[in-house]
């Protein structure tokens, strides 16, 4: 087992891709995990692993930014 998915708690046993100490693992629930030296360091998308916290402010309110 490489890692346990933080969203569904299913064991992930094989990596999709590896680059040095970093492995990319896809869980059966569809979540992609980034595993570095056996520790999950990131996930793709949203999950309970890393809650989204938005700070105040908006890119549109930045004076140097041109409107799109």
N, C-alpha and C. Protein backbone atom coordinates (compact mmCIF):
# COMPACT_ATOMS: atom_id res chain seq x y z
N UNK A 1 0.84 -1.18 0.00
CA UNK A 1 0.00 0.00 0.00
C UNK A 1 0.89 1.24 0.00
N UNK A 2 0.59 2.18 -0.89
CA UNK A 2 1.34 3.43 -0.95
C UNK A 2 0.77 4.45 0.01
N UNK A 3 -0.56 4.60 0.03
CA UNK A 3 -1.21 5.61 0.87
C UNK A 3 -2.66 5.24 1.09
N UNK A 4 -3.29 5.91 2.06
CA UNK A 4 -4.72 5.77 2.30
C UNK A 4 -5.38 7.07 1.89
N UNK A 5 -6.40 6.98 1.06
CA UNK A 5 -7.09 8.17 0.56
C UNK A 5 -7.72 8.94 1.72
N UNK A 6 -7.48 10.25 1.81
CA UNK A 6 -8.07 11.03 2.89
C UNK A 6 -9.56 11.28 2.70
N UNK A 7 -10.08 11.11 1.49
CA UNK A 7 -11.49 11.36 1.23
C UNK A 7 -12.36 10.14 1.52
N UNK A 8 -11.94 8.95 1.05
CA UNK A 8 -12.77 7.75 1.21
C UNK A 8 -12.11 6.69 2.10
N UNK A 9 -10.86 6.91 2.49
CA UNK A 9 -10.10 6.01 3.36
C UNK A 9 -9.82 4.65 2.73
N UNK A 10 -9.80 4.59 1.41
CA UNK A 10 -9.50 3.36 0.70
C UNK A 10 -7.99 3.26 0.51
N UNK A 11 -7.38 2.09 0.68
CA UNK A 11 -5.94 1.96 0.45
C UNK A 11 -5.60 2.05 -1.04
N UNK A 12 -4.59 2.84 -1.36
CA UNK A 12 -4.13 3.00 -2.74
C UNK A 12 -2.83 2.23 -2.87
N UNK A 13 -2.77 1.34 -3.84
CA UNK A 13 -1.62 0.43 -3.89
C UNK A 13 -0.66 0.63 -5.05
N UNK A 14 -1.04 1.39 -6.07
CA UNK A 14 -0.11 1.56 -7.18
C UNK A 14 -0.11 3.00 -7.67
N UNK A 15 1.06 3.45 -8.07
CA UNK A 15 1.18 4.83 -8.53
C UNK A 15 0.92 4.91 -10.03
N UNK A 16 0.37 6.04 -10.45
CA UNK A 16 0.14 6.30 -11.87
C UNK A 16 1.44 6.74 -12.51
N UNK A 17 2.22 7.53 -11.75
CA UNK A 17 3.47 8.07 -12.26
C UNK A 17 4.39 8.36 -11.08
N UNK A 18 5.69 8.29 -11.29
CA UNK A 18 6.67 8.61 -10.25
C UNK A 18 7.78 9.46 -10.84
N UNK A 19 8.23 10.42 -10.05
CA UNK A 19 9.34 11.28 -10.43
C UNK A 19 10.21 11.47 -9.20
N UNK A 20 11.27 10.68 -9.09
CA UNK A 20 12.13 10.74 -7.91
C UNK A 20 11.36 10.28 -6.69
N UNK A 21 11.33 11.12 -5.66
CA UNK A 21 10.66 10.78 -4.40
C UNK A 21 9.15 11.04 -4.45
N UNK A 22 8.65 11.62 -5.54
CA UNK A 22 7.24 11.99 -5.64
C UNK A 22 6.50 10.97 -6.51
N UNK A 23 5.35 10.50 -6.00
CA UNK A 23 4.49 9.58 -6.74
C UNK A 23 3.11 10.19 -6.86
N UNK A 24 2.47 9.94 -7.98
CA UNK A 24 1.11 10.39 -8.21
C UNK A 24 0.22 9.16 -8.20
N UNK A 25 -0.77 9.14 -7.32
CA UNK A 25 -1.60 7.97 -7.09
C UNK A 25 -3.05 8.35 -7.34
N UNK A 26 -3.79 7.47 -8.00
CA UNK A 26 -5.22 7.71 -8.20
C UNK A 26 -6.00 6.70 -7.37
N UNK A 27 -6.91 7.20 -6.56
CA UNK A 27 -7.74 6.35 -5.70
C UNK A 27 -8.92 5.82 -6.51
N UNK A 28 -9.57 4.77 -6.00
CA UNK A 28 -10.75 4.23 -6.66
C UNK A 28 -11.90 5.23 -6.67
N UNK A 29 -11.88 6.21 -5.76
CA UNK A 29 -12.94 7.23 -5.73
C UNK A 29 -12.69 8.32 -6.77
N UNK A 30 -11.51 8.29 -7.43
CA UNK A 30 -11.21 9.26 -8.47
C UNK A 30 -10.27 10.37 -8.05
N UNK A 31 -9.99 10.49 -6.77
CA UNK A 31 -9.12 11.56 -6.27
C UNK A 31 -7.67 11.23 -6.59
N UNK A 32 -6.93 12.22 -7.07
CA UNK A 32 -5.50 12.06 -7.28
C UNK A 32 -4.75 12.52 -6.04
N UNK A 33 -3.76 11.73 -5.62
CA UNK A 33 -2.95 12.05 -4.45
C UNK A 33 -1.52 12.27 -4.89
N UNK A 34 -0.86 13.22 -4.25
CA UNK A 34 0.56 13.45 -4.47
C UNK A 34 1.26 12.94 -3.22
N UNK A 35 2.09 11.91 -3.39
CA UNK A 35 2.76 11.27 -2.27
C UNK A 35 4.26 11.51 -2.39
N UNK A 36 4.84 12.07 -1.33
CA UNK A 36 6.27 12.34 -1.31
C UNK A 36 6.90 11.60 -0.14
N UNK A 37 7.78 10.66 -0.47
CA UNK A 37 8.46 9.82 0.53
C UNK A 37 7.46 9.16 1.49
N UNK A 38 6.35 8.65 0.94
CA UNK A 38 5.38 7.92 1.74
C UNK A 38 4.35 8.77 2.46
N UNK A 39 4.40 10.10 2.30
CA UNK A 39 3.46 11.00 2.97
C UNK A 39 2.63 11.72 1.92
N UNK A 40 1.30 11.75 2.11
CA UNK A 40 0.45 12.50 1.19
C UNK A 40 0.68 13.98 1.44
N UNK A 41 1.14 14.68 0.41
CA UNK A 41 1.43 16.11 0.56
C UNK A 41 0.40 16.99 -0.11
N UNK A 42 -0.40 16.42 -1.02
CA UNK A 42 -1.41 17.22 -1.72
C UNK A 42 -2.43 16.30 -2.37
N UNK A 43 -3.59 16.87 -2.67
CA UNK A 43 -4.61 16.18 -3.44
C UNK A 43 -5.09 17.11 -4.53
N UNK A 44 -5.61 16.56 -5.59
CA UNK A 44 -6.17 17.37 -6.67
C UNK A 44 -7.65 17.57 -6.40
N UNK A 45 -8.15 18.76 -6.64
CA UNK A 45 -9.56 19.04 -6.41
C UNK A 45 -9.84 19.30 -4.95
N UNK A 46 -11.07 19.14 -4.56
CA UNK A 46 -11.47 19.40 -3.18
C UNK A 46 -11.66 18.08 -2.44
N UNK A 47 -11.33 18.08 -1.18
CA UNK A 47 -11.54 16.92 -0.33
C UNK A 47 -11.49 17.39 1.11
N UNK A 48 -11.68 16.48 2.05
CA UNK A 48 -11.58 16.84 3.46
C UNK A 48 -10.13 16.92 3.89
N UNK A 49 -9.20 16.53 2.98
CA UNK A 49 -7.78 16.58 3.31
C UNK A 49 -7.32 18.01 3.54
N UNK A 50 -7.72 18.92 2.68
CA UNK A 50 -7.31 20.32 2.78
C UNK A 50 -8.52 21.22 2.54
N UNK A 51 -9.19 21.66 3.62
CA UNK A 51 -10.35 22.53 3.44
C UNK A 51 -9.95 23.83 2.73
N UNK A 52 -10.85 24.33 1.92
CA UNK A 52 -10.58 25.57 1.19
C UNK A 52 -10.89 26.75 2.09
N UNK A 53 -9.94 27.65 2.22
CA UNK A 53 -10.11 28.88 2.99
C UNK A 53 -9.85 30.05 2.06
N UNK A 54 -10.85 30.86 1.84
CA UNK A 54 -10.69 32.03 0.99
C UNK A 54 -10.45 33.24 1.87
N UNK A 55 -9.41 33.98 1.54
CA UNK A 55 -9.16 35.23 2.24
C UNK A 55 -9.99 36.34 1.63
N UNK A 56 -9.98 37.47 2.27
CA UNK A 56 -10.73 38.59 1.71
C UNK A 56 -9.98 39.15 0.51
N UNK A 57 -10.69 39.78 -0.35
CA UNK A 57 -10.08 40.36 -1.54
C UNK A 57 -10.47 39.62 -2.78
N UNK A 58 -10.28 40.28 -3.89
CA UNK A 58 -10.65 39.72 -5.19
C UNK A 58 -9.62 40.21 -6.19
N UNK A 59 -9.27 39.36 -7.15
CA UNK A 59 -8.29 39.79 -8.16
C UNK A 59 -8.77 41.00 -8.93
N UNK A 60 -10.08 41.14 -9.11
CA UNK A 60 -10.61 42.29 -9.86
C UNK A 60 -10.38 43.60 -9.12
N UNK A 61 -10.19 43.53 -7.79
CA UNK A 61 -9.99 44.76 -7.03
C UNK A 61 -8.53 45.18 -6.94
N UNK A 62 -7.62 44.39 -7.50
CA UNK A 62 -6.21 44.75 -7.49
C UNK A 62 -5.99 45.84 -8.52
N UNK A 63 -5.44 47.02 -8.13
CA UNK A 63 -5.34 48.15 -9.03
C UNK A 63 -4.50 47.90 -10.28
N UNK A 64 -3.46 47.07 -10.21
CA UNK A 64 -2.57 46.86 -11.35
C UNK A 64 -3.15 45.89 -12.37
N UNK A 65 -4.23 45.26 -12.06
CA UNK A 65 -4.80 44.24 -12.95
C UNK A 65 -5.75 44.88 -13.95
N UNK A 66 -5.57 44.54 -15.22
CA UNK A 66 -6.47 45.05 -16.24
C UNK A 66 -7.77 44.24 -16.23
N UNK A 67 -8.89 44.88 -16.49
CA UNK A 67 -10.15 44.13 -16.52
C UNK A 67 -10.17 43.13 -17.67
N UNK A 68 -10.84 42.02 -17.45
CA UNK A 68 -10.90 41.00 -18.51
C UNK A 68 -12.19 41.09 -19.27
